[in-house]
Amino acid sequence: MPKPNRDDRSNNVERLEQMVENTHQNIQEANETAENMNLTASQREQIKEKNQHRQESIEQFQNEIQEEKAYREGRDLQ
């Protein structure tokens, strides 16, 4: 029977930081699309709502980053 994977948190901070960067880029690209494309008001509203959700995700990622950094520091002290 295979051994279950251990909880490898060694790269969580970097992975989360990359997710924040990618999400910022998605917001920027969506804003550029909204500005440069001939979109309906409804389409622009959808982009605005999606970007709001993306911003909320960024905040959650940043909270997770802080938690992971605290976890790392706690493990380093042991």
C-alpha atoms as a PDB file:
ATOM      1  CA  MET A   1       0.000   0.000   0.000  1.00  0.00           C
ATOM      2  CA  PRO A   2       1.521   3.379  -0.999  1.00  0.00           C
ATOM      3  CA  LYS A   3       2.453   5.787   1.710  1.00  0.00           C
ATOM      4  CA  PRO A   4       0.230   8.897   1.846  1.00  0.00           C
ATOM      5  CA  ASN A   5       1.874  12.131   0.755  1.00  0.00           C
ATOM      6  CA  ARG A   6       3.059  14.222   3.644  1.00  0.00           C
ATOM      7  CA  ASP A   7       1.935  17.818   3.896  1.00  0.00           C
ATOM      8  CA  ASP A   8       4.724  19.562   1.963  1.00  0.00           C
ATOM      9  CA  ARG A   9       4.373  23.242   2.751  1.00  0.00           C
ATOM     10  CA  SER A  10       7.906  24.147   1.764  1.00  0.00           C
ATOM     11  CA  ASN A  11       6.908  26.192  -1.299  1.00  0.00           C
ATOM     12  CA  ASN A  12       3.465  27.452  -0.289  1.00  0.00           C
ATOM     13  CA  VAL A  13       4.536  31.077   0.161  1.00  0.00           C
ATOM     14  CA  GLU A  14       6.144  31.218  -3.265  1.00  0.00           C
ATOM     15  CA  ARG A  15       3.219  29.426  -4.876  1.00  0.00           C
ATOM     16  CA  LEU A  16       0.717  31.813  -3.266  1.00  0.00           C
ATOM     17  CA  GLU A  17       2.787  34.845  -4.258  1.00  0.00           C
ATOM     18  CA  GLN A  18       2.758  33.614  -7.857  1.00  0.00           C
ATOM     19  CA  MET A  19      -1.020  33.204  -7.647  1.00  0.00           C
ATOM     20  CA  VAL A  20      -1.331  36.822  -6.444  1.00  0.00           C
ATOM     21  CA  GLU A  21       0.829  38.007  -9.348  1.00  0.00           C
ATOM     22  CA  ASN A  22      -1.178  35.983 -11.868  1.00  0.00           C
ATOM     23  CA  THR A  23      -4.454  37.313 -10.492  1.00  0.00           C
ATOM     24  CA  HIS A  24      -3.193  40.916 -10.666  1.00  0.00           C
ATOM     25  CA  GLN A  25      -2.253  40.275 -14.287  1.00  0.00           C
ATOM     26  CA  ASN A  26      -5.721  38.858 -15.017  1.00  0.00           C
ATOM     27  CA  ILE A  27      -7.322  41.964 -13.520  1.00  0.00           C
ATOM     28  CA  GLN A  28      -5.124  44.214 -15.653  1.00  0.00           C
ATOM     29  CA  GLU A  29      -5.868  42.264 -18.826  1.00  0.00           C
ATOM     30  CA  ALA A  30      -9.604  42.306 -18.119  1.00  0.00           C
ATOM     31  CA  ASN A  31      -9.501  46.079 -17.566  1.00  0.00           C
ATOM     32  CA  GLU A  32      -7.635  46.555 -20.845  1.00  0.00           C
ATOM     33  CA  THR A  33     -10.229  44.419 -22.617  1.00  0.00           C
ATOM     34  CA  ALA A  34     -13.046  46.452 -21.106  1.00  0.00           C
ATOM     35  CA  GLU A  35     -11.405  49.697 -22.214  1.00  0.00           C
ATOM     36  CA  ASN A  36     -10.311  48.677 -25.697  1.00  0.00           C
ATOM     37  CA  MET A  37     -13.080  46.408 -26.913  1.00  0.00           C
ATOM     38  CA  ASN A  38     -16.524  47.374 -28.098  1.00  0.00           C
ATOM     39  CA  LEU A  39     -18.435  45.726 -25.224  1.00  0.00           C
ATOM     40  CA  THR A  40     -21.986  46.090 -24.014  1.00  0.00           C
ATOM     41  CA  ALA A  41     -22.733  47.570 -20.622  1.00  0.00           C
ATOM     42  CA  SER A  42     -23.623  44.079 -19.440  1.00  0.00           C
ATOM     43  CA  GLN A  43     -20.276  42.688 -20.543  1.00  0.00           C
ATOM     44  CA  ARG A  44     -18.437  45.532 -18.832  1.00  0.00           C
ATOM     45  CA  GLU A  45     -20.408  44.871 -15.644  1.00  0.00           C
ATOM     46  CA  GLN A  46     -19.467  41.183 -15.810  1.00  0.00           C
ATOM     47  CA  ILE A  47     -15.802  42.120 -16.064  1.00  0.00           C
ATOM     48  CA  LYS A  48     -16.173  44.500 -13.137  1.00  0.00           C
ATOM     49  CA  GLU A  49     -17.810  41.802 -11.001  1.00  0.00           C
ATOM     50  CA  LYS A  50     -15.209  39.211 -11.940  1.00  0.00           C
ATOM     51  CA  ASN A  51     -12.419  41.626 -11.073  1.00  0.00           C
ATOM     52  CA  GLN A  52     -14.050  42.240  -7.696  1.00  0.00           C
ATOM     53  CA  HIS A  53     -13.980  38.484  -7.058  1.00  0.00           C
ATOM     54  CA  ARG A  54     -10.359  38.409  -8.175  1.00  0.00           C
ATOM     55  CA  GLN A  55      -9.509  41.187  -5.732  1.00  0.00           C
ATOM     56  CA  GLU A  56     -11.186  39.230  -2.933  1.00  0.00           C
ATOM     57  CA  SER A  57      -9.112  36.202  -3.913  1.00  0.00           C
ATOM     58  CA  ILE A  58      -5.941  38.286  -3.727  1.00  0.00           C
ATOM     59  CA  GLU A  59      -6.837  39.341  -0.188  1.00  0.00           C
ATOM     60  CA  GLN A  60      -7.384  35.703   0.776  1.00  0.00           C
ATOM     61  CA  PHE A  61      -4.074  34.694  -0.826  1.00  0.00           C
ATOM     62  CA  GLN A  62      -2.296  37.442   1.115  1.00  0.00           C
ATOM     63  CA  ASN A  63      -3.820  36.209   4.375  1.00  0.00           C
ATOM     64  CA  GLU A  64      -2.663  32.683   3.543  1.00  0.00           C
ATOM     65  CA  ILE A  65       0.823  33.998   2.766  1.00  0.00           C
ATOM     66  CA  GLN A  66       0.997  35.582   6.222  1.00  0.00           C
ATOM     67  CA  GLU A  67      -0.164  32.328   7.821  1.00  0.00           C
ATOM     68  CA  GLU A  68       2.395  30.302   5.896  1.00  0.00           C
ATOM     69  CA  LYS A  69       5.192  32.710   6.803  1.00  0.00           C
ATOM     70  CA  ALA A  70       4.212  32.445  10.474  1.00  0.00           C
ATOM     71  CA  TYR A  71       4.177  28.655  10.162  1.00  0.00           C
ATOM     72  CA  ARG A  72       7.653  28.701   8.609  1.00  0.00           C
ATOM     73  CA  GLU A  73       9.014  30.970  11.315  1.00  0.00           C
ATOM     74  CA  GLY A  74       7.530  28.744  14.000  1.00  0.00           C
ATOM     75  CA  ARG A  75       9.079  25.650  12.438  1.00  0.00           C
ATOM     76  CA  ASP A  76      12.445  27.387  12.093  1.00  0.00           C
ATOM     77  CA  LEU A  77      12.440  28.230  15.803  1.00  0.00           C
ATOM     78  CA  GLN A  78      11.952  24.593  16.793  1.00  0.00           C
END
